[in-house]
Amino acid sequence: GIVGERTLPLFGGDEALAARTYMIVFPLLGGAAFAAFQ
């Protein structure tokens, strides 16, 4: 969350791919943390 758009070069500058990837990564990380906490 802090790094944010500084990771855009990892996606070859494709903002749509970066947005879609982060749209998946954030819920997966949050949900996995919540599941591991249960």
ModelCIF file with pLDDT and N, C-alpha, C, O atoms, coordinates in Angstrom:
data_MODEL
#
_entry.id   MODEL 
#
_entity.id                         1 
_entity.type                       polymer 
_entity.pdbx_number_of_molecules   1 
#
_entity_poly.entity_id                      1 
_entity_poly.type                           'polypeptide(L)' 
_entity_poly.nstd_linkage                   no 
_entity_poly.nstd_monomer                   no 
_entity_poly.pdbx_seq_one_letter_code       GIVGERTLPLFGGDEALAARTYMIVFPLLGGAAFAAFQ 
_entity_poly.pdbx_seq_one_letter_code_can   GIVGERTLPLFGGDEALAARTYMIVFPLLGGAAFAAFQ 
_entity_poly.pdbx_strand_id                 A 
#
loop_
_entity_poly_seq.entity_id 
_entity_poly_seq.num 
_entity_poly_seq.mon_id 
_entity_poly_seq.hetero 
1 1  GLY n 
1 2  ILE n 
1 3  VAL n 
1 4  GLY n 
1 5  GLU n 
1 6  ARG n 
1 7  THR n 
1 8  LEU n 
1 9  PRO n 
1 10 LEU n 
1 11 PHE n 
1 12 GLY n 
1 13 GLY n 
1 14 ASP n 
1 15 GLU n 
1 16 ALA n 
1 17 LEU n 
1 18 ALA n 
1 19 ALA n 
1 20 ARG n 
1 21 THR n 
1 22 TYR n 
1 23 MET n 
1 24 ILE n 
1 25 VAL n 
1 26 PHE n 
1 27 PRO n 
1 28 LEU n 
1 29 LEU n 
1 30 GLY n 
1 31 GLY n 
1 32 ALA n 
1 33 ALA n 
1 34 PHE n 
1 35 ALA n 
1 36 ALA n 
1 37 PHE n 
1 38 GLN n 
#
_struct_asym.id          A 
_struct_asym.entity_id   1 
#
loop_
_ma_qa_metric.id 
_ma_qa_metric.mode 
_ma_qa_metric.name 
_ma_qa_metric.software_group_id 
_ma_qa_metric.type 
1 global pLDDT . pLDDT 
2 local  pLDDT . pLDDT 
#
_ma_qa_metric_global.metric_id      1 
_ma_qa_metric_global.metric_value   86.39 
_ma_qa_metric_global.model_id       1 
_ma_qa_metric_global.ordinal_id     1 
#
loop_
_ma_qa_metric_local.label_asym_id 
_ma_qa_metric_local.label_comp_id 
_ma_qa_metric_local.label_seq_id 
_ma_qa_metric_local.metric_id 
_ma_qa_metric_local.metric_value 
_ma_qa_metric_local.model_id 
_ma_qa_metric_local.ordinal_id 
A GLY 1  2 85.00 1 1  
A ILE 2  2 88.00 1 2  
A VAL 3  2 87.00 1 3  
A GLY 4  2 79.00 1 4  
A GLU 5  2 76.00 1 5  
A ARG 6  2 83.00 1 6  
A THR 7  2 83.00 1 7  
A LEU 8  2 81.00 1 8  
A PRO 9  2 84.00 1 9  
A LEU 10 2 83.00 1 10 
A PHE 11 2 81.00 1 11 
A GLY 12 2 86.00 1 12 
A GLY 13 2 82.00 1 13 
A ASP 14 2 83.00 1 14 
A GLU 15 2 83.00 1 15 
A ALA 16 2 83.00 1 16 
A LEU 17 2 82.00 1 17 
A ALA 18 2 83.00 1 18 
A ALA 19 2 83.00 1 19 
A ARG 20 2 83.00 1 20 
A THR 21 2 84.00 1 21 
A TYR 22 2 85.00 1 22 
A MET 23 2 85.00 1 23 
A ILE 24 2 88.00 1 24 
A VAL 25 2 89.00 1 25 
A PHE 26 2 89.00 1 26 
A PRO 27 2 88.00 1 27 
A LEU 28 2 91.00 1 28 
A LEU 29 2 92.00 1 29 
A GLY 30 2 91.00 1 30 
A GLY 31 2 92.00 1 31 
A ALA 32 2 93.00 1 32 
A ALA 33 2 93.00 1 33 
A PHE 34 2 93.00 1 34 
A ALA 35 2 93.00 1 35 
A ALA 36 2 93.00 1 36 
A PHE 37 2 93.00 1 37 
A GLN 38 2 93.00 1 38 
#
loop_
_atom_site.group_PDB 
_atom_site.id 
_atom_site.type_symbol 
_atom_site.label_atom_id 
_atom_site.label_alt_id 
_atom_site.label_comp_id 
_atom_site.label_asym_id 
_atom_site.label_entity_id 
_atom_site.label_seq_id 
_atom_site.pdbx_PDB_ins_code 
_atom_site.Cartn_x 
_atom_site.Cartn_y 
_atom_site.Cartn_z 
_atom_site.occupancy 
_atom_site.B_iso_or_equiv 
_atom_site.pdbx_formal_charge 
_atom_site.auth_seq_id 
_atom_site.auth_comp_id 
_atom_site.auth_asym_id 
_atom_site.auth_atom_id 
_atom_site.pdbx_PDB_model_num 
ATOM 1   N N  . GLY A 1 1  ? 0.808  -1.208  0.000   1.00 85.00 ? 1  GLY A N  1 
ATOM 2   C CA . GLY A 1 1  ? 0.000  0.000   0.000   1.00 85.00 ? 1  GLY A CA 1 
ATOM 3   C C  . GLY A 1 1  ? 0.844  1.263   0.000   1.00 85.00 ? 1  GLY A C  1 
ATOM 4   O O  . GLY A 1 1  ? 0.484  2.259   -0.627  1.00 85.00 ? 1  GLY A O  1 
ATOM 5   N N  . ILE A 1 2  ? 1.967  1.220   0.703   1.00 88.00 ? 2  ILE A N  1 
ATOM 6   C CA . ILE A 1 2  ? 2.855  2.380   0.747   1.00 88.00 ? 2  ILE A CA 1 
ATOM 7   C C  . ILE A 1 2  ? 3.604  2.545   -0.568  1.00 88.00 ? 2  ILE A C  1 
ATOM 8   O O  . ILE A 1 2  ? 3.728  3.657   -1.080  1.00 88.00 ? 2  ILE A O  1 
ATOM 9   N N  . VAL A 1 3  ? 4.100  1.444   -1.113  1.00 87.00 ? 3  VAL A N  1 
ATOM 10  C CA . VAL A 1 3  ? 4.887  1.494   -2.349  1.00 87.00 ? 3  VAL A CA 1 
ATOM 11  C C  . VAL A 1 3  ? 4.021  1.961   -3.513  1.00 87.00 ? 3  VAL A C  1 
ATOM 12  O O  . VAL A 1 3  ? 4.438  2.800   -4.311  1.00 87.00 ? 3  VAL A O  1 
ATOM 13  N N  . GLY A 1 4  ? 2.824  1.418   -3.601  1.00 79.00 ? 4  GLY A N  1 
ATOM 14  C CA . GLY A 1 4  ? 1.846  1.868   -4.585  1.00 79.00 ? 4  GLY A CA 1 
ATOM 15  C C  . GLY A 1 4  ? 2.322  1.837   -6.019  1.00 79.00 ? 4  GLY A C  1 
ATOM 16  O O  . GLY A 1 4  ? 2.706  0.787   -6.534  1.00 79.00 ? 4  GLY A O  1 
ATOM 17  N N  . GLU A 1 5  ? 2.297  2.991   -6.663  1.00 76.00 ? 5  GLU A N  1 
ATOM 18  C CA . GLU A 1 5  ? 2.566  3.061   -8.101  1.00 76.00 ? 5  GLU A CA 1 
ATOM 19  C C  . GLU A 1 5  ? 4.041  2.962   -8.451  1.00 76.00 ? 5  GLU A C  1 
ATOM 20  O O  . GLU A 1 5  ? 4.399  2.964   -9.629  1.00 76.00 ? 5  GLU A O  1 
ATOM 21  N N  . ARG A 1 6  ? 4.888  2.878   -7.457  1.00 83.00 ? 6  ARG A N  1 
ATOM 22  C CA . ARG A 1 6  ? 6.319  2.707   -7.754  1.00 83.00 ? 6  ARG A CA 1 
ATOM 23  C C  . ARG A 1 6  ? 6.599  1.322   -8.323  1.00 83.00 ? 6  ARG A C  1 
ATOM 24  O O  . ARG A 1 6  ? 7.686  1.074   -8.845  1.00 83.00 ? 6  ARG A O  1 
ATOM 25  N N  . THR A 1 7  ? 5.637  0.429   -8.227  1.00 83.00 ? 7  THR A N  1 
ATOM 26  C CA . THR A 1 7  ? 5.809  -0.925  -8.775  1.00 83.00 ? 7  THR A CA 1 
ATOM 27  C C  . THR A 1 7  ? 5.338  -1.014  -10.225 1.00 83.00 ? 7  THR A C  1 
ATOM 28  O O  . THR A 1 7  ? 5.386  -2.092  -10.818 1.00 83.00 ? 7  THR A O  1 
ATOM 29  N N  . LEU A 1 8  ? 4.895  0.070   -10.792 1.00 81.00 ? 8  LEU A N  1 
ATOM 30  C CA . LEU A 1 8  ? 4.394  0.072   -12.169 1.00 81.00 ? 8  LEU A CA 1 
ATOM 31  C C  . LEU A 1 8  ? 5.410  -0.452  -13.189 1.00 81.00 ? 8  LEU A C  1 
ATOM 32  O O  . LEU A 1 8  ? 5.005  -1.133  -14.131 1.00 81.00 ? 8  LEU A O  1 
ATOM 33  N N  . PRO A 1 9  ? 6.702  -0.167  -13.046 1.00 84.00 ? 9  PRO A N  1 
ATOM 34  C CA . PRO A 1 9  ? 7.664  -0.741  -14.011 1.00 84.00 ? 9  PRO A CA 1 
ATOM 35  C C  . PRO A 1 9  ? 7.690  -2.277  -14.003 1.00 84.00 ? 9  PRO A C  1 
ATOM 36  O O  . PRO A 1 9  ? 8.068  -2.884  -15.005 1.00 84.00 ? 9  PRO A O  1 
ATOM 37  N N  . LEU A 1 10 ? 7.303  -2.904  -12.911 1.00 83.00 ? 10 LEU A N  1 
ATOM 38  C CA . LEU A 1 10 ? 7.247  -4.361  -12.872 1.00 83.00 ? 10 LEU A CA 1 
ATOM 39  C C  . LEU A 1 10 ? 6.220  -4.908  -13.866 1.00 83.00 ? 10 LEU A C  1 
ATOM 40  O O  . LEU A 1 10 ? 6.315  -6.055  -14.303 1.00 83.00 ? 10 LEU A O  1 
ATOM 41  N N  . PHE A 1 11 ? 5.255  -4.090  -14.211 1.00 81.00 ? 11 PHE A N  1 
ATOM 42  C CA . PHE A 1 11 ? 4.200  -4.508  -15.136 1.00 81.00 ? 11 PHE A CA 1 
ATOM 43  C C  . PHE A 1 11 ? 4.418  -3.932  -16.535 1.00 81.00 ? 11 PHE A C  1 
ATOM 44  O O  . PHE A 1 11 ? 3.498  -3.918  -17.354 1.00 81.00 ? 11 PHE A O  1 
ATOM 45  N N  . GLY A 1 12 ? 5.615  -3.467  -16.804 1.00 86.00 ? 12 GLY A N  1 
ATOM 46  C CA . GLY A 1 12 ? 5.932  -2.917  -18.121 1.00 86.00 ? 12 GLY A CA 1 
ATOM 47  C C  . GLY A 1 12 ? 5.200  -1.615  -18.398 1.00 86.00 ? 12 GLY A C  1 
ATOM 48  O O  . GLY A 1 12 ? 5.005  -1.252  -19.558 1.00 86.00 ? 12 GLY A O  1 
ATOM 49  N N  . GLY A 1 13 ? 4.798  -0.916  -17.365 1.00 82.00 ? 13 GLY A N  1 
ATOM 50  C CA . GLY A 1 13 ? 4.083  0.345   -17.529 1.00 82.00 ? 13 GLY A CA 1 
ATOM 51  C C  . GLY A 1 13 ? 2.603  0.189   -17.822 1.00 82.00 ? 13 GLY A C  1 
ATOM 52  O O  . GLY A 1 13 ? 1.908  1.187   -18.011 1.00 82.00 ? 13 GLY A O  1 
ATOM 53  N N  . ASP A 1 14 ? 2.113  -1.011  -17.863 1.00 83.00 ? 14 ASP A N  1 
ATOM 54  C CA . ASP A 1 14 ? 0.696  -1.268  -18.158 1.00 83.00 ? 14 ASP A CA 1 
ATOM 55  C C  . ASP A 1 14 ? -0.130 -1.030  -16.897 1.00 83.00 ? 14 ASP A C  1 
ATOM 56  O O  . ASP A 1 14 ? -0.173 -1.870  -15.998 1.00 83.00 ? 14 ASP A O  1 
ATOM 57  N N  . GLU A 1 15 ? -0.779 0.120   -16.848 1.00 83.00 ? 15 GLU A N  1 
ATOM 58  C CA . GLU A 1 15 ? -1.552 0.491   -15.662 1.00 83.00 ? 15 GLU A CA 1 
ATOM 59  C C  . GLU A 1 15 ? -2.770 -0.414  -15.454 1.00 83.00 ? 15 GLU A C  1 
ATOM 60  O O  . GLU A 1 15 ? -3.133 -0.711  -14.316 1.00 83.00 ? 15 GLU A O  1 
ATOM 61  N N  . ALA A 1 16 ? -3.388 -0.845  -16.528 1.00 83.00 ? 16 ALA A N  1 
ATOM 62  C CA . ALA A 1 16 ? -4.569 -1.704  -16.405 1.00 83.00 ? 16 ALA A CA 1 
ATOM 63  C C  . ALA A 1 16 ? -4.195 -3.052  -15.789 1.00 83.00 ? 16 ALA A C  1 
ATOM 64  O O  . ALA A 1 16 ? -4.916 -3.573  -14.937 1.00 83.00 ? 16 ALA A O  1 
ATOM 65  N N  . LEU A 1 17 ? -3.062 -3.614  -16.224 1.00 82.00 ? 17 LEU A N  1 
ATOM 66  C CA . LEU A 1 17 ? -2.611 -4.886  -15.663 1.00 82.00 ? 17 LEU A CA 1 
ATOM 67  C C  . LEU A 1 17 ? -2.223 -4.725  -14.195 1.00 82.00 ? 17 LEU A C  1 
ATOM 68  O O  . LEU A 1 17 ? -2.532 -5.581  -13.367 1.00 82.00 ? 17 LEU A O  1 
ATOM 69  N N  . ALA A 1 18 ? -1.548 -3.629  -13.881 1.00 83.00 ? 18 ALA A N  1 
ATOM 70  C CA . ALA A 1 18 ? -1.161 -3.371  -12.488 1.00 83.00 ? 18 ALA A CA 1 
ATOM 71  C C  . ALA A 1 18 ? -2.402 -3.210  -11.613 1.00 83.00 ? 18 ALA A C  1 
ATOM 72  O O  . ALA A 1 18 ? -2.462 -3.758  -10.513 1.00 83.00 ? 18 ALA A O  1 
ATOM 73  N N  . ALA A 1 19 ? -3.383 -2.465  -12.096 1.00 83.00 ? 19 ALA A N  1 
ATOM 74  C CA . ALA A 1 19 ? -4.602 -2.257  -11.314 1.00 83.00 ? 19 ALA A CA 1 
ATOM 75  C C  . ALA A 1 19 ? -5.352 -3.572  -11.106 1.00 83.00 ? 19 ALA A C  1 
ATOM 76  O O  . ALA A 1 19 ? -5.846 -3.854  -10.015 1.00 83.00 ? 19 ALA A O  1 
ATOM 77  N N  . ARG A 1 20 ? -5.426 -4.353  -12.150 1.00 83.00 ? 20 ARG A N  1 
ATOM 78  C CA . ARG A 1 20 ? -6.137 -5.634  -12.041 1.00 83.00 ? 20 ARG A CA 1 
ATOM 79  C C  . ARG A 1 20 ? -5.398 -6.596  -11.108 1.00 83.00 ? 20 ARG A C  1 
ATOM 80  O O  . ARG A 1 20 ? -6.022 -7.325  -10.337 1.00 83.00 ? 20 ARG A O  1 
ATOM 81  N N  . THR A 1 21 ? -4.072 -6.592  -11.185 1.00 84.00 ? 21 THR A N  1 
ATOM 82  C CA . THR A 1 21 ? -3.281 -7.458  -10.314 1.00 84.00 ? 21 THR A CA 1 
ATOM 83  C C  . THR A 1 21 ? -3.436 -7.045  -8.855  1.00 84.00 ? 21 THR A C  1 
ATOM 84  O O  . THR A 1 21 ? -3.643 -7.895  -7.989  1.00 84.00 ? 21 THR A O  1 
ATOM 85  N N  . TYR A 1 22 ? -3.338 -5.757  -8.579  1.00 85.00 ? 22 TYR A N  1 
ATOM 86  C CA . TYR A 1 22 ? -3.497 -5.303  -7.207  1.00 85.00 ? 22 TYR A CA 1 
ATOM 87  C C  . TYR A 1 22 ? -4.919 -5.476  -6.705  1.00 85.00 ? 22 TYR A C  1 
ATOM 88  O O  . TYR A 1 22 ? -5.149 -5.638  -5.507  1.00 85.00 ? 22 TYR A O  1 
ATOM 89  N N  . MET A 1 23 ? -5.877 -5.442  -7.631  1.00 85.00 ? 23 MET A N  1 
ATOM 90  C CA . MET A 1 23 ? -7.264 -5.680  -7.252  1.00 85.00 ? 23 MET A CA 1 
ATOM 91  C C  . MET A 1 23 ? -7.426 -7.117  -6.736  1.00 85.00 ? 23 MET A C  1 
ATOM 92  O O  . MET A 1 23 ? -8.346 -7.396  -5.967  1.00 85.00 ? 23 MET A O  1 
ATOM 93  N N  . ILE A 1 24 ? -6.549 -8.017  -7.151  1.00 88.00 ? 24 ILE A N  1 
ATOM 94  C CA . ILE A 1 24 ? -6.566 -9.403  -6.692  1.00 88.00 ? 24 ILE A CA 1 
ATOM 95  C C  . ILE A 1 24 ? -5.639 -9.601  -5.502  1.00 88.00 ? 24 ILE A C  1 
ATOM 96  O O  . ILE A 1 24 ? -5.985 -10.308 -4.556  1.00 88.00 ? 24 ILE A O  1 
ATOM 97  N N  . VAL A 1 25 ? -4.469 -8.986  -5.542  1.00 89.00 ? 25 VAL A N  1 
ATOM 98  C CA . VAL A 1 25 ? -3.453 -9.208  -4.506  1.00 89.00 ? 25 VAL A CA 1 
ATOM 99  C C  . VAL A 1 25 ? -3.915 -8.695  -3.142  1.00 89.00 ? 25 VAL A C  1 
ATOM 100 O O  . VAL A 1 25 ? -3.730 -9.375  -2.133  1.00 89.00 ? 25 VAL A O  1 
ATOM 101 N N  . PHE A 1 26 ? -4.506 -7.518  -3.104  1.00 89.00 ? 26 PHE A N  1 
ATOM 102 C CA . PHE A 1 26 ? -4.908 -6.959  -1.816  1.00 89.00 ? 26 PHE A CA 1 
ATOM 103 C C  . PHE A 1 26 ? -5.969 -7.809  -1.110  1.00 89.00 ? 26 PHE A C  1 
ATOM 104 O O  . PHE A 1 26 ? -5.809 -8.091  0.077   1.00 89.00 ? 26 PHE A O  1 
ATOM 105 N N  . PRO A 1 27 ? -7.038 -8.227  -1.782  1.00 88.00 ? 27 PRO A N  1 
ATOM 106 C CA . PRO A 1 27 ? -7.991 -9.106  -1.091  1.00 88.00 ? 27 PRO A CA 1 
ATOM 107 C C  . PRO A 1 27 ? -7.387 -10.455 -0.713  1.00 88.00 ? 27 PRO A C  1 
ATOM 108 O O  . PRO A 1 27 ? -7.710 -10.999 0.343   1.00 88.00 ? 27 PRO A O  1 
ATOM 109 N N  . LEU A 1 28 ? -6.513 -11.002 -1.562  1.00 91.00 ? 28 LEU A N  1 
ATOM 110 C CA . LEU A 1 28 ? -5.906 -12.290 -1.227  1.00 91.00 ? 28 LEU A CA 1 
ATOM 111 C C  . LEU A 1 28 ? -5.014 -12.178 0.005   1.00 91.00 ? 28 LEU A C  1 
ATOM 112 O O  . LEU A 1 28 ? -5.066 -13.035 0.886   1.00 91.00 ? 28 LEU A O  1 
ATOM 113 N N  . LEU A 1 29 ? -4.205 -11.139 0.073   1.00 92.00 ? 29 LEU A N  1 
ATOM 114 C CA . LEU A 1 29 ? -3.339 -10.972 1.243   1.00 92.00 ? 29 LEU A CA 1 
ATOM 115 C C  . LEU A 1 29 ? -4.157 -10.690 2.503   1.00 92.00 ? 29 LEU A C  1 
ATOM 116 O O  . LEU A 1 29 ? -3.893 -11.261 3.562   1.00 92.00 ? 29 LEU A O  1 
ATOM 117 N N  . GLY A 1 30 ? -5.147 -9.809  2.384   1.00 91.00 ? 30 GLY A N  1 
ATOM 118 C CA . GLY A 1 30 ? -5.988 -9.503  3.542   1.00 91.00 ? 30 GLY A CA 1 
ATOM 119 C C  . GLY A 1 30 ? -6.789 -10.705 4.002   1.00 91.00 ? 30 GLY A C  1 
ATOM 120 O O  . GLY A 1 30 ? -6.887 -10.968 5.201   1.00 91.00 ? 30 GLY A O  1 
ATOM 121 N N  . GLY A 1 31 ? -7.359 -11.433 3.060   1.00 92.00 ? 31 GLY A N  1 
ATOM 122 C CA . GLY A 1 31 ? -8.139 -12.616 3.415   1.00 92.00 ? 31 GLY A CA 1 
ATOM 123 C C  . GLY A 1 31 ? -7.282 -13.723 3.989   1.00 92.00 ? 31 GLY A C  1 
ATOM 124 O O  . GLY A 1 31 ? -7.702 -14.419 4.913   1.00 92.00 ? 31 GLY A O  1 
ATOM 125 N N  . ALA A 1 32 ? -6.078 -13.896 3.450   1.00 93.00 ? 32 ALA A N  1 
ATOM 126 C CA . ALA A 1 32 ? -5.173 -14.913 3.995   1.00 93.00 ? 32 ALA A CA 1 
ATOM 127 C C  . ALA A 1 32 ? -4.735 -14.545 5.405   1.00 93.00 ? 32 ALA A C  1 
ATOM 128 O O  . ALA A 1 32 ? -4.630 -15.415 6.269   1.00 93.00 ? 32 ALA A O  1 
ATOM 129 N N  . ALA A 1 33 ? -4.477 -13.260 5.643   1.00 93.00 ? 33 ALA A N  1 
ATOM 130 C CA . ALA A 1 33 ? -4.120 -12.826 6.996   1.00 93.00 ? 33 ALA A CA 1 
ATOM 131 C C  . ALA A 1 33 ? -5.294 -13.051 7.952   1.00 93.00 ? 33 ALA A C  1 
ATOM 132 O O  . ALA A 1 33 ? -5.098 -13.497 9.083   1.00 93.00 ? 33 ALA A O  1 
ATOM 133 N N  . PHE A 1 34 ? -6.500 -12.747 7.505   1.00 93.00 ? 34 PHE A N  1 
ATOM 134 C CA . PHE A 1 34 ? -7.684 -12.953 8.335   1.00 93.00 ? 34 PHE A CA 1 
ATOM 135 C C  . PHE A 1 34 ? -7.887 -14.438 8.614   1.00 93.00 ? 34 PHE A C  1 
ATOM 136 O O  . PHE A 1 34 ? -8.218 -14.817 9.738   1.00 93.00 ? 34 PHE A O  1 
ATOM 137 N N  . ALA A 1 35 ? -7.693 -15.278 7.607   1.00 93.00 ? 35 ALA A N  1 
ATOM 138 C CA . ALA A 1 35 ? -7.850 -16.724 7.793   1.00 93.00 ? 35 ALA A CA 1 
ATOM 139 C C  . ALA A 1 35 ? -6.791 -17.272 8.746   1.00 93.00 ? 35 ALA A C  1 
ATOM 140 O O  . ALA A 1 35 ? -7.092 -18.117 9.588   1.00 93.00 ? 35 ALA A O  1 
ATOM 141 N N  . ALA A 1 36 ? -5.561 -16.798 8.618   1.00 93.00 ? 36 ALA A N  1 
ATOM 142 C CA . ALA A 1 36 ? -4.495 -17.279 9.495   1.00 93.00 ? 36 ALA A CA 1 
ATOM 143 C C  . ALA A 1 36 ? -4.693 -16.823 10.935  1.00 93.00 ? 36 ALA A C  1 
ATOM 144 O O  . ALA A 1 36 ? -4.182 -17.454 11.860  1.00 93.00 ? 36 ALA A O  1 
ATOM 145 N N  . PHE A 1 37 ? -5.423 -15.742 11.131  1.00 93.00 ? 37 PHE A N  1 
ATOM 146 C CA . PHE A 1 37 ? -5.697 -15.206 12.470  1.00 93.00 ? 37 PHE A CA 1 
ATOM 147 C C  . PHE A 1 37 ? -6.794 -15.984 13.195  1.00 93.00 ? 37 PHE A C  1 
ATOM 148 O O  . PHE A 1 37 ? -6.831 -15.987 14.426  1.00 93.00 ? 37 PHE A O  1 
ATOM 149 N N  . GLN A 1 38 ? -7.675 -16.635 12.467  1.00 93.00 ? 38 GLN A N  1 
ATOM 150 C CA . GLN A 1 38 ? -8.853 -17.282 13.049  1.00 93.00 ? 38 GLN A CA 1 
ATOM 151 C C  . GLN A 1 38 ? -8.553 -18.328 14.129  1.00 93.00 ? 38 GLN A C  1 
ATOM 152 O O  . GLN A 1 38 ? -9.475 -18.929 14.680  1.00 93.00 ? 38 GLN A O  1 
#
